[in-house]
């Protein structure tokens, strides 16, 4: 019995997926993203959708491998069901790659338009839709691969991360065009156009880096507390006092740097800070000892007039006198992690992670701090640019990301999460202070530079200076207009494509 030969088109497409995954943390070989799509582009005409879908499947399966760890270790799912859920998500995400390549190939076949002019806007349009449909999952957008290539990402204050994605796809298309037709004038015209756009793109990066982006007239000394509380023990009632003791001791150690603001991570208090308990009293007395503001991640609740309770994943800001100055509730919740979508219809599905209960979404509510305001992004919210932008538009002078990445274990996920957070600083030219239970706690400058960071899975405190205030950028003012333009261009392509196909079908009858 002879074994079937592997499909060369799909094997080549899979190579693109692997190369692209290598550009992301970890191993963070970001130059790969500038050529990773070339193999796919050279073969996708043979099987337009299947090639893109294969590349996407390999890419997402590699980048998101850690999901199985989350679902089995903390979600309690049997390995079989974890694998099925993982494959379903990977297949869904890979569809976006398949649609991009299929539409680009149809446009080339019907309208004779080269990939260079169609695939970049199509890619951006589909990335944007992926971050919006079904509550959105904008993890591993192509542009995030360039987090350590500063010149390439400074344009994010105009286009958001999507402009970086378009630049990467355009360069890949130009290279593939020359490889496929080295004597083609059209291919070299595409290269010339791409070089011109690249000069503008990197020229803007040079200009931006030459500006005093990180200078501010007012500053705040921040202490980030990384408790490194074991996720398996975090919610056990017997461990609550030990957790608070650890956070208190680390906070006291931070006194050497005379912090103005001490930040504890997401859900640092495994109890309701609203309740009048001994543990709550200990937390509220700490700011007096520190003579500093204290921002604490804690679950919260609210009782309606009918007696029903709503629960929130929140952050409380306490004054140096121990008074509560405000509460910020997480707005963008994790599906199947913090709530079950269509809960009444899917009541048989449990949440994947341990928590107090199904959380309700909050509102954008900056917290007042001594004449300034803090915008709090809790965990997953840092990957949504629209939310960070809204906090800045409502007057936030500093963004703070409270997170608990213990779910990810010793995987590449904490590094991927931090990479995406860096773009929120560039988009709005604002400082970000990030406190993570198990890491990576860090300070991020308005240029996207990590000025201070600690290792993962260590108990520690980090102290540093951040500037206050955001410099209004094109992105802050107009948002994702660049992505909308790409959606509009893609829509025009699709309308013309459908019209041409119907026209051909009509005339074929005569």
Protein backbone atom coordinates (compact mmCIF):
# COMPACT_ATOMS: atom_id res chain seq x y z
CA UNK A 1 0.00 0.00 0.00
CA UNK A 2 1.48 3.29 -1.13
CA UNK A 3 1.23 6.25 1.22
CA UNK A 4 -0.28 9.39 -0.20
CA UNK A 5 2.22 12.13 -0.90
CA UNK A 6 1.83 15.24 1.25
CA UNK A 7 0.27 18.22 -0.45
CA UNK A 8 3.20 20.52 -1.27
CA UNK A 9 1.00 23.59 -1.22
CA UNK A 10 -0.21 22.93 2.30
CA UNK A 11 3.24 21.92 3.54
CA UNK A 12 4.68 25.17 2.21
CA UNK A 13 1.83 27.13 3.78
CA UNK A 14 2.53 25.40 7.09
CA UNK A 15 6.14 26.61 6.88
CA UNK A 16 4.81 30.18 6.73
CA UNK A 17 2.77 29.54 9.85
CA UNK A 18 5.81 28.26 11.73
CA UNK A 19 8.03 31.15 10.62
CA UNK A 20 5.39 33.67 11.62
CA UNK A 21 4.97 32.07 15.04
CA UNK A 22 8.73 32.32 15.58
CA UNK A 23 8.47 36.12 15.31
CA UNK A 24 6.35 36.30 18.47
CA UNK A 25 7.46 35.97 22.10
CA UNK A 26 8.95 33.49 22.60
CA UNK A 27 11.43 33.01 20.76
CA UNK A 28 10.71 36.59 19.59
CA UNK A 29 12.67 36.40 16.32
CA UNK A 30 10.85 39.48 15.03
CA UNK A 31 12.77 39.82 11.70
CA UNK A 32 11.07 36.59 10.56
CA UNK A 33 7.74 38.40 10.23
CA UNK A 34 9.10 40.43 7.30
CA UNK A 35 9.54 37.27 5.18
CA UNK A 36 7.38 34.63 6.91
CA UNK A 37 4.43 34.96 4.53
CA UNK A 38 6.51 34.64 1.36
CA UNK A 39 6.22 30.81 1.11
CA UNK A 40 2.45 31.08 1.51
CA UNK A 41 2.17 33.83 -1.08
CA UNK A 42 4.11 31.80 -3.64
CA UNK A 43 1.81 28.76 -3.47
CA UNK A 44 -1.61 29.95 -2.35
CA UNK A 45 -2.95 30.33 -5.89
CA UNK A 46 -3.18 26.53 -6.09
CA UNK A 47 -5.46 26.24 -3.06
CA UNK A 48 -6.44 29.77 -2.00
CA UNK A 49 -8.50 29.10 1.13
CA UNK A 50 -6.85 25.85 2.23
CA UNK A 51 -3.37 27.37 2.04
CA UNK A 52 -4.30 30.35 4.20
CA UNK A 53 -6.25 28.19 6.62
CA UNK A 54 -3.29 25.82 6.99
CA UNK A 55 -0.85 28.66 7.63
CA UNK A 56 -3.24 30.15 10.17
CA UNK A 57 -3.80 26.82 11.89
CA UNK A 58 -0.09 26.18 12.34
CA UNK A 59 0.52 29.77 13.44
CA UNK A 60 -2.20 29.92 16.09
CA UNK A 61 -1.61 26.36 17.27
CA UNK A 62 2.03 27.27 17.93
CA UNK A 63 1.47 30.70 19.47
CA UNK A 64 -1.46 29.60 21.65
CA UNK A 65 -0.13 26.21 22.76
CA UNK A 66 -0.40 27.34 26.39
CA UNK A 67 -4.21 27.30 26.26
CA UNK A 68 -4.16 23.57 26.95
CA UNK A 69 -2.25 24.23 30.16
CA UNK A 70 -4.85 26.77 31.27
CA UNK A 71 -7.84 24.57 30.48
CA UNK A 72 -6.52 21.37 32.07
CA UNK A 73 -4.59 22.74 35.06
CA UNK A 74 -6.96 25.47 36.17
CA UNK A 75 -10.11 24.87 34.16
CA UNK A 76 -10.35 21.25 35.26
CA UNK A 77 -11.20 20.09 31.75
CA UNK A 78 -10.28 16.51 30.83
CA UNK A 79 -7.45 16.49 28.26
CA UNK A 80 -9.79 15.27 25.52
CA UNK A 81 -12.24 18.14 25.96
CA UNK A 82 -9.38 20.60 26.35
CA UNK A 83 -7.95 19.44 23.03
CA UNK A 84 -11.34 19.74 21.32
CA UNK A 85 -11.85 23.29 22.63
CA UNK A 86 -8.31 24.20 21.59
CA UNK A 87 -8.77 22.82 18.06
CA UNK A 88 -12.11 24.59 17.71
CA UNK A 89 -10.56 27.97 18.64
CA UNK A 90 -7.56 27.41 16.37
CA UNK A 91 -9.84 26.50 13.46
CA UNK A 92 -11.97 29.59 14.04
CA UNK A 93 -8.94 31.90 14.09
CA UNK A 94 -7.41 30.21 11.04
CA UNK A 95 -10.52 31.04 9.03
CA UNK A 96 -9.43 34.70 9.02
CA UNK A 97 -6.16 33.75 7.32
CA UNK A 98 -8.07 31.57 4.83
CA UNK A 99 -10.50 34.35 3.96
CA UNK A 100 -7.68 36.82 3.38
CA UNK A 101 -5.83 34.54 0.96
CA UNK A 102 -8.99 33.36 -0.80
CA UNK A 103 -10.30 36.88 -1.49
CA UNK A 104 -6.85 38.08 -2.60
CA UNK A 105 -6.57 35.18 -5.04
CA UNK A 106 -10.06 35.79 -6.43
CA UNK A 107 -9.28 39.48 -6.94
CA UNK A 108 -6.13 38.56 -8.81
CA UNK A 109 -7.92 35.99 -10.97
CA UNK A 110 -10.94 38.15 -11.81
CA UNK A 111 -9.64 41.73 -11.66
CA UNK A 112 -5.93 41.07 -12.31
CA UNK A 113 -4.93 43.03 -9.20
CA UNK A 114 -1.62 41.89 -7.63
CA UNK A 115 -1.58 40.69 -4.03
CA UNK A 116 0.44 43.73 -3.00
CA UNK A 117 -2.57 46.00 -3.53
CA UNK A 118 -5.26 43.75 -2.06
CA UNK A 119 -3.87 41.50 0.67
CA UNK A 120 -2.51 44.22 3.06
CA UNK A 121 -5.88 46.02 3.52
CA UNK A 122 -7.74 42.69 3.55
CA UNK A 123 -5.43 41.40 6.26
CA UNK A 124 -5.92 44.49 8.43
CA UNK A 125 -9.70 44.44 7.94
CA UNK A 126 -9.91 40.83 9.07
CA UNK A 127 -7.55 41.39 12.02
CA UNK A 128 -9.77 44.24 13.17
CA UNK A 129 -12.91 42.12 12.82
CA UNK A 130 -11.24 39.30 14.76
CA UNK A 131 -10.73 41.73 17.63
CA UNK A 132 -14.41 42.68 17.59
CA UNK A 133 -16.60 39.72 16.61
CA UNK A 134 -17.94 37.48 19.40
CA UNK A 135 -16.53 39.88 22.05
CA UNK A 136 -13.17 39.85 20.23
CA UNK A 137 -9.90 37.97 20.47
CA UNK A 138 -7.16 40.27 19.12
CA UNK A 139 -4.31 38.11 20.46
CA UNK A 140 -1.26 37.74 18.18
CA UNK A 141 -2.14 40.44 15.66
CA UNK A 142 0.72 40.47 13.15
CA UNK A 143 2.00 43.91 14.16
CA UNK A 144 2.64 42.78 17.74
CA UNK A 145 5.54 40.66 16.48
CA UNK A 146 7.58 43.88 16.17
CA UNK A 147 7.37 44.85 19.85
CA UNK A 148 11.18 44.97 20.11
CA UNK A 149 11.71 46.83 16.82
CA UNK A 150 11.12 50.35 18.05
CA UNK A 151 11.41 52.14 14.70
CA UNK A 152 8.72 49.91 13.21
CA UNK A 153 6.10 50.48 15.89
CA UNK A 154 6.23 54.23 16.60
CA UNK A 155 3.59 54.78 13.91
CA UNK A 156 1.09 53.09 16.22
CA UNK A 157 0.21 56.53 17.58
CA UNK A 158 -1.38 57.18 14.17
CA UNK A 159 -2.57 53.83 12.83
CA UNK A 160 -2.62 51.66 15.91
CA UNK A 161 -1.00 48.24 15.68
CA UNK A 162 -2.82 47.70 12.37
CA UNK A 163 -0.47 49.99 10.46
CA UNK A 164 2.44 47.78 11.47
CA UNK A 165 0.51 44.73 10.27
CA UNK A 166 -0.13 46.35 6.90
CA UNK A 167 3.53 47.25 6.51
CA UNK A 168 4.61 43.66 7.23
CA UNK A 169 2.12 42.14 4.76
CA UNK A 170 3.09 44.67 2.08
CA UNK A 171 6.81 43.84 2.40
CA UNK A 172 6.07 40.11 2.22
CA UNK A 173 3.95 40.66 -0.90
CA UNK A 174 6.67 42.75 -2.58
CA UNK A 175 9.33 40.09 -1.90
CA UNK A 176 7.06 37.29 -3.12
CA UNK A 177 6.25 39.24 -6.28
CA UNK A 178 9.93 39.58 -7.21
CA UNK A 179 10.66 35.93 -6.37
CA UNK A 180 7.75 34.76 -8.54
CA UNK A 181 8.53 37.11 -11.43
CA UNK A 182 12.04 38.55 -11.22
CA UNK A 183 11.71 40.08 -14.69
CA UNK A 184 8.24 41.50 -14.16
CA UNK A 185 8.05 45.28 -14.36
CA UNK A 186 4.89 45.23 -12.27
CA UNK A 187 6.68 43.28 -9.51
CA UNK A 188 9.53 45.79 -9.41
CA UNK A 189 7.04 48.65 -9.45
CA UNK A 190 5.52 47.06 -6.36
CA UNK A 191 8.94 46.87 -4.75
CA UNK A 192 9.56 50.55 -5.48
CA UNK A 193 6.20 51.49 -3.99
CA UNK A 194 6.86 49.37 -0.90
CA UNK A 195 10.30 50.94 -0.45
CA UNK A 196 8.74 54.40 -0.62
CA UNK A 197 6.13 53.47 1.99
CA UNK A 198 8.83 51.86 4.16
CA UNK A 199 10.94 55.01 4.04
CA UNK A 200 7.94 57.01 5.24
CA UNK A 201 7.11 54.44 7.90
CA UNK A 202 10.62 54.17 9.35
CA UNK A 203 11.27 57.87 8.80
CA UNK A 204 8.34 58.61 11.07
CA UNK A 205 9.82 56.19 13.58
CA UNK A 206 13.17 58.04 13.48
CA UNK A 207 11.42 61.38 13.91
CA UNK A 208 9.28 60.15 16.79
CA UNK A 209 12.23 58.64 18.62
CA UNK A 210 14.02 61.97 18.35
CA UNK A 211 11.17 63.68 20.21
CA UNK A 212 11.23 63.96 24.03
CA UNK A 213 8.31 61.53 24.32
CA UNK A 214 9.13 60.35 27.82
CA UNK A 215 9.54 63.76 29.42
CA UNK A 216 6.77 64.99 31.72
CA UNK A 217 6.60 68.00 34.03
CA UNK A 218 4.96 65.98 36.82
CA UNK A 219 6.00 62.56 38.07
CA UNK A 220 4.85 59.82 40.38
CA UNK A 221 7.01 57.32 42.21
CA UNK A 222 5.35 53.92 41.85
CA UNK A 223 5.96 50.63 43.67
CA UNK A 224 4.76 47.47 41.91
CA UNK A 225 4.07 44.53 44.24
CA UNK A 226 4.39 41.06 42.72
CA UNK A 227 3.07 38.63 45.32
CA UNK A 228 3.63 35.41 43.36
CA UNK A 229 0.68 33.71 45.07
CA UNK A 230 0.18 30.13 43.88
CA UNK A 231 -2.99 30.06 41.80
CA UNK A 232 -4.00 26.65 43.19
CA UNK A 233 -3.91 28.11 46.73
CA UNK A 234 -5.03 31.65 46.01
CA UNK A 235 -8.73 31.29 46.84
CA UNK A 236 -8.40 28.84 49.76
CA UNK A 237 -9.85 30.60 52.87
CA UNK A 238 -7.04 29.28 55.07
CA UNK A 239 -4.44 31.08 52.92
CA UNK A 240 -5.98 34.55 52.94
CA UNK A 241 -3.99 35.87 55.88
CA UNK A 242 -0.73 34.53 54.46
CA UNK A 243 -1.45 36.26 51.14
CA UNK A 244 -2.14 39.61 52.79
CA UNK A 245 0.96 39.22 54.97
CA UNK A 246 3.10 38.72 51.88
CA UNK A 247 1.68 41.79 50.14
CA UNK A 248 2.07 43.89 53.27
CA UNK A 249 5.69 42.82 53.80
CA UNK A 250 6.61 43.55 50.18
CA UNK A 251 4.88 46.93 50.39
CA UNK A 252 6.82 47.83 53.51
CA UNK A 253 10.05 46.85 51.71
CA UNK A 254 9.13 49.36 49.01
CA UNK A 255 9.27 52.17 51.58
CA UNK A 256 12.99 52.54 50.89
CA UNK A 257 12.07 54.21 47.57
CA UNK A 258 9.43 56.46 49.18
CA UNK A 259 6.62 55.57 46.75
CA UNK A 260 3.67 57.88 46.11
CA UNK A 261 1.56 54.98 44.84
CA UNK A 262 1.76 51.29 45.73
CA UNK A 263 0.08 48.90 43.27
CA UNK A 264 -1.10 45.37 44.03
CA UNK A 265 -2.10 43.09 41.13
CA UNK A 266 -5.46 41.76 39.95
CA UNK A 267 -7.53 40.07 42.69
CA UNK A 268 -4.68 40.49 45.18
CA UNK A 269 -7.22 40.26 48.00
CA UNK A 270 -9.01 36.88 47.71
CA UNK A 271 -11.98 38.33 49.60
CA UNK A 272 -14.34 41.27 49.28
CA UNK A 273 -12.58 44.45 50.32
CA UNK A 274 -16.03 45.98 50.81
CA UNK A 275 -16.76 43.70 53.78
CA UNK A 276 -15.95 44.91 57.28
CA UNK A 277 -13.53 42.16 58.20
CA UNK A 278 -10.21 41.93 59.99
CA UNK A 279 -8.43 41.40 56.67
CA UNK A 280 -10.08 44.48 55.16
CA UNK A 281 -9.00 46.51 58.17
CA UNK A 282 -5.39 45.36 57.74
CA UNK A 283 -5.40 46.43 54.08
CA UNK A 284 -6.91 49.84 54.82
CA UNK A 285 -4.41 50.54 57.57
CA UNK A 286 -1.45 49.89 55.28
CA UNK A 287 -1.61 53.22 53.35
CA UNK A 288 -1.25 55.07 56.66
CA UNK A 289 1.91 53.11 57.43
CA UNK A 290 3.25 53.70 53.92
CA UNK A 291 2.03 57.32 53.68
CA UNK A 292 1.14 56.50 50.09
CA UNK A 293 -1.85 55.77 47.88
CA UNK A 294 -2.67 52.07 47.49
CA UNK A 295 -4.32 50.53 44.42
CA UNK A 296 -5.63 47.04 45.17
CA UNK A 297 -7.15 44.44 42.86
CA UNK A 298 -10.16 42.85 44.56
CA UNK A 299 -13.50 41.26 43.70
CA UNK A 300 -16.50 43.48 44.39
CA UNK A 301 -20.26 43.19 44.57
CA UNK A 302 -23.34 45.34 44.28
CA UNK A 303 -26.81 44.50 45.56
CA UNK A 304 -29.84 45.64 43.60
CA UNK A 305 -33.11 46.84 45.10
CA UNK A 306 -34.58 43.39 44.40
CA UNK A 307 -31.86 41.75 46.50
CA UNK A 308 -29.91 40.27 43.59
CA UNK A 309 -26.13 40.53 43.59
CA UNK A 310 -23.81 41.51 40.76
CA UNK A 311 -20.12 40.68 41.04
CA UNK A 312 -17.21 42.61 39.55
CA UNK A 313 -13.50 42.16 38.99
CA UNK A 314 -12.35 45.47 40.41
CA UNK A 315 -9.61 47.74 41.66
CA UNK A 316 -9.95 49.97 44.74
CA UNK A 317 -7.90 53.12 45.26
CA UNK A 318 -7.16 54.01 48.90
CA UNK A 319 -5.78 57.34 50.06
CA UNK A 320 -2.78 57.67 52.44
CA UNK A 321 -5.39 58.02 55.19
CA UNK A 322 -6.92 54.65 54.25
CA UNK A 323 -10.06 56.16 52.74
CA UNK A 324 -11.59 54.67 49.60
CA UNK A 325 -11.25 57.20 46.74
CA UNK A 326 -12.92 55.14 44.05
CA UNK A 327 -13.45 51.77 42.41
CA UNK A 328 -12.80 50.74 38.82
CA UNK A 329 -14.59 47.63 37.49
CA UNK A 330 -13.33 45.47 34.66
CA UNK A 331 -15.39 46.15 31.54
CA UNK A 332 -14.14 43.59 29.03
CA UNK A 333 -14.56 40.17 30.60
CA UNK A 334 -12.96 36.89 29.51
CA UNK A 335 -15.56 34.57 27.90
CA UNK A 336 -15.80 31.24 29.76
CA UNK A 337 -13.24 32.59 32.24
CA UNK A 338 -15.17 35.33 34.05
CA UNK A 339 -18.61 34.71 32.62
CA UNK A 340 -20.43 32.23 30.39
CA UNK A 341 -21.80 33.80 27.17
CA UNK A 342 -25.54 33.18 26.82
CA UNK A 343 -25.43 31.86 30.37
CA UNK A 344 -29.11 30.83 30.46
CA UNK A 345 -28.77 28.79 27.28
CA UNK A 346 -25.35 27.39 28.19
CA UNK A 347 -26.01 26.83 31.89
CA UNK A 348 -24.40 23.39 31.66
CA UNK A 349 -21.00 24.95 30.90
CA UNK A 350 -18.80 25.84 33.87
CA UNK A 351 -16.29 28.63 33.79
CA UNK A 352 -12.74 27.55 33.07
CA UNK A 353 -11.13 29.33 36.00
CA UNK A 354 -11.76 29.53 39.70
CA UNK A 355 -13.42 32.71 40.92
CA UNK A 356 -16.13 34.21 43.04
CA UNK A 357 -18.88 33.84 40.49
CA UNK A 358 -19.99 35.12 37.12
CA UNK A 359 -18.75 38.69 36.83
CA UNK A 360 -20.69 41.59 35.33
CA UNK A 361 -19.04 44.16 33.07
CA UNK A 362 -18.26 47.56 34.55
CA UNK A 363 -17.79 50.99 33.01
CA UNK A 364 -14.83 53.16 32.08
CA UNK A 365 -14.23 55.08 35.29
CA UNK A 366 -10.83 56.78 35.85
CA UNK A 367 -9.83 56.99 39.51
CA UNK A 368 -8.93 60.40 41.04
CA UNK A 369 -5.46 60.73 42.53
CA UNK A 370 -4.28 64.05 43.91
CA UNK A 371 -5.48 66.17 40.98
CA UNK A 372 -4.77 63.48 38.40
CA UNK A 373 -6.57 60.35 37.19
CA UNK A 374 -5.63 56.70 36.82
CA UNK A 375 -7.03 54.48 34.06
CA UNK A 376 -7.10 50.85 35.23
CA UNK A 377 -6.91 48.03 32.70
CA UNK A 378 -7.51 44.71 34.42
CA UNK A 379 -5.69 41.72 32.90
CA UNK A 380 -7.10 40.88 29.47
CA UNK A 381 -8.27 44.48 28.93
CA UNK A 382 -4.74 45.56 28.03
CA UNK A 383 -5.02 43.83 24.63
CA UNK A 384 -7.97 46.01 23.58
CA UNK A 385 -6.68 49.34 22.21
CA UNK A 386 -10.13 50.94 22.15
CA UNK A 387 -10.48 50.57 25.92
CA UNK A 388 -7.09 52.13 26.73
CA UNK A 389 -7.90 54.97 24.35
CA UNK A 390 -11.23 55.58 26.09
CA UNK A 391 -9.54 55.85 29.48
CA UNK A 392 -7.13 58.44 28.08
CA UNK A 393 -9.94 60.38 26.40
CA UNK A 394 -11.68 60.55 29.78
CA UNK A 395 -8.68 62.21 31.36
CA UNK A 396 -6.39 59.43 32.59
CA UNK A 397 -2.84 60.64 33.19
CA UNK A 398 -1.42 57.17 33.84
CA UNK A 399 -2.59 53.73 32.73
CA UNK A 400 -2.22 50.89 35.19
CA UNK A 401 -2.51 47.26 34.17
CA UNK A 402 -3.38 44.89 37.01
CA UNK A 403 -3.09 41.27 35.96
CA UNK A 404 -2.80 37.72 37.19
CA UNK A 405 -0.87 35.73 34.59
CA UNK A 406 -0.43 32.76 36.91
CA UNK A 407 -2.89 30.93 34.65
CA UNK A 408 -0.26 30.83 31.92
CA UNK A 409 2.39 29.02 33.95
CA UNK A 410 5.99 29.05 32.68
CA UNK A 411 4.89 29.56 29.08
CA UNK A 412 5.38 32.28 26.49
CA UNK A 413 1.94 33.76 27.24
CA UNK A 414 3.10 36.29 29.91
CA UNK A 415 5.65 37.64 27.41
CA UNK A 416 3.02 37.82 24.66
CA UNK A 417 0.67 39.65 27.02
CA UNK A 418 3.32 42.23 27.93
CA UNK A 419 4.24 42.72 24.26
CA UNK A 420 0.68 43.77 23.43
CA UNK A 421 0.46 46.08 26.44
CA UNK A 422 3.45 48.05 25.18
CA UNK A 423 1.43 49.23 22.18
CA UNK A 424 -1.18 50.88 24.42
CA UNK A 425 1.57 53.21 25.69
CA UNK A 426 2.66 54.19 22.17
CA UNK A 427 -0.87 54.65 20.82
CA UNK A 428 -1.69 57.24 23.48
CA UNK A 429 1.86 58.40 24.41
CA UNK A 430 1.26 57.64 28.06
CA UNK A 431 3.14 55.79 30.81
CA UNK A 432 1.88 52.36 31.90
CA UNK A 433 2.56 50.73 35.25
CA UNK A 434 1.94 46.99 35.26
CA UNK A 435 1.56 44.90 38.43
CA UNK A 436 1.26 41.14 37.87
CA UNK A 437 0.73 38.46 40.50
CA UNK A 438 3.42 36.17 39.05
CA UNK A 439 4.92 38.60 36.53
CA UNK A 440 5.80 40.25 34.33
CA UNK A 441 5.53 43.44 36.42
CA UNK A 442 6.93 46.40 34.50
CA UNK A 443 7.00 50.11 33.76
CA UNK A 444 6.42 51.10 30.12
CA UNK A 445 7.30 54.52 28.73
CA UNK A 446 5.24 56.48 26.15
CA UNK A 447 7.70 55.26 23.49
CA UNK A 448 6.86 51.65 24.35
CA UNK A 449 10.18 51.04 26.09
CA UNK A 450 10.22 48.76 29.13
CA UNK A 451 12.16 50.86 31.61
CA UNK A 452 11.81 48.40 34.49
CA UNK A 453 10.74 44.76 34.65
CA UNK A 454 11.07 41.76 36.92
CA UNK A 455 11.28 38.00 36.36
CA UNK A 456 8.27 35.70 36.48
CA UNK A 457 7.28 33.54 39.44
CA UNK A 458 9.22 35.47 42.06
CA UNK A 459 7.93 37.50 45.00
CA UNK A 460 9.31 41.01 44.63
CA UNK A 461 8.66 44.73 44.63
CA UNK A 462 9.79 47.09 41.90
CA UNK A 463 10.04 50.84 42.30
CA UNK A 464 10.40 53.48 39.62
CA UNK A 465 9.42 56.93 38.39
CA UNK A 466 6.64 57.49 35.83
CA UNK A 467 5.50 60.66 34.12
CA UNK A 468 1.95 61.93 34.44
CA UNK A 469 -0.13 63.08 31.50
CA UNK A 470 -0.89 61.87 27.99
CA UNK A 471 0.08 63.69 24.81
CA UNK A 472 -2.93 63.58 22.50
CA UNK A 473 -2.09 61.60 19.41
CA UNK A 474 -3.88 61.06 16.13
CA UNK A 475 -4.89 57.63 17.41
CA UNK A 476 -6.20 59.00 20.71
CA UNK A 477 -8.30 61.53 18.83
CA UNK A 478 -9.58 59.45 15.91
CA UNK A 479 -9.18 55.86 17.05
CA UNK A 480 -9.06 53.02 14.53
CA UNK A 481 -9.79 55.15 11.48
CA UNK A 482 -6.90 53.46 9.66
CA UNK A 483 -8.51 50.05 10.19
CA UNK A 484 -11.87 51.45 9.06
CA UNK A 485 -10.27 52.71 5.85
CA UNK A 486 -8.89 49.22 5.24
CA UNK A 487 -12.35 47.77 5.86
CA UNK A 488 -13.79 50.27 3.37
CA UNK A 489 -11.19 49.40 0.72
CA UNK A 490 -11.81 45.69 1.28
CA UNK A 491 -15.55 46.29 0.99
CA UNK A 492 -15.09 48.03 -2.36
CA UNK A 493 -12.95 45.11 -3.57
CA UNK A 494 -15.65 42.64 -2.58
CA UNK A 495 -18.45 44.64 -4.21
CA UNK A 496 -16.52 44.94 -7.49
CA UNK A 497 -15.62 41.25 -7.34
CA UNK A 498 -19.24 40.20 -6.85
CA UNK A 499 -20.41 42.56 -9.60
CA UNK A 500 -17.85 41.20 -12.06
CA UNK A 501 -18.76 37.61 -11.29
CA UNK A 502 -22.48 38.30 -11.72
CA UNK A 503 -21.75 40.14 -14.96
CA UNK A 504 -19.78 37.18 -16.27
CA UNK A 505 -22.55 34.82 -15.24
CA UNK A 506 -25.15 37.00 -17.01
CA UNK A 507 -23.27 37.19 -20.32
CA UNK A 508 -22.45 33.48 -20.26
CA UNK A 509 -26.15 32.79 -20.84
CA UNK A 510 -26.05 34.32 -24.32
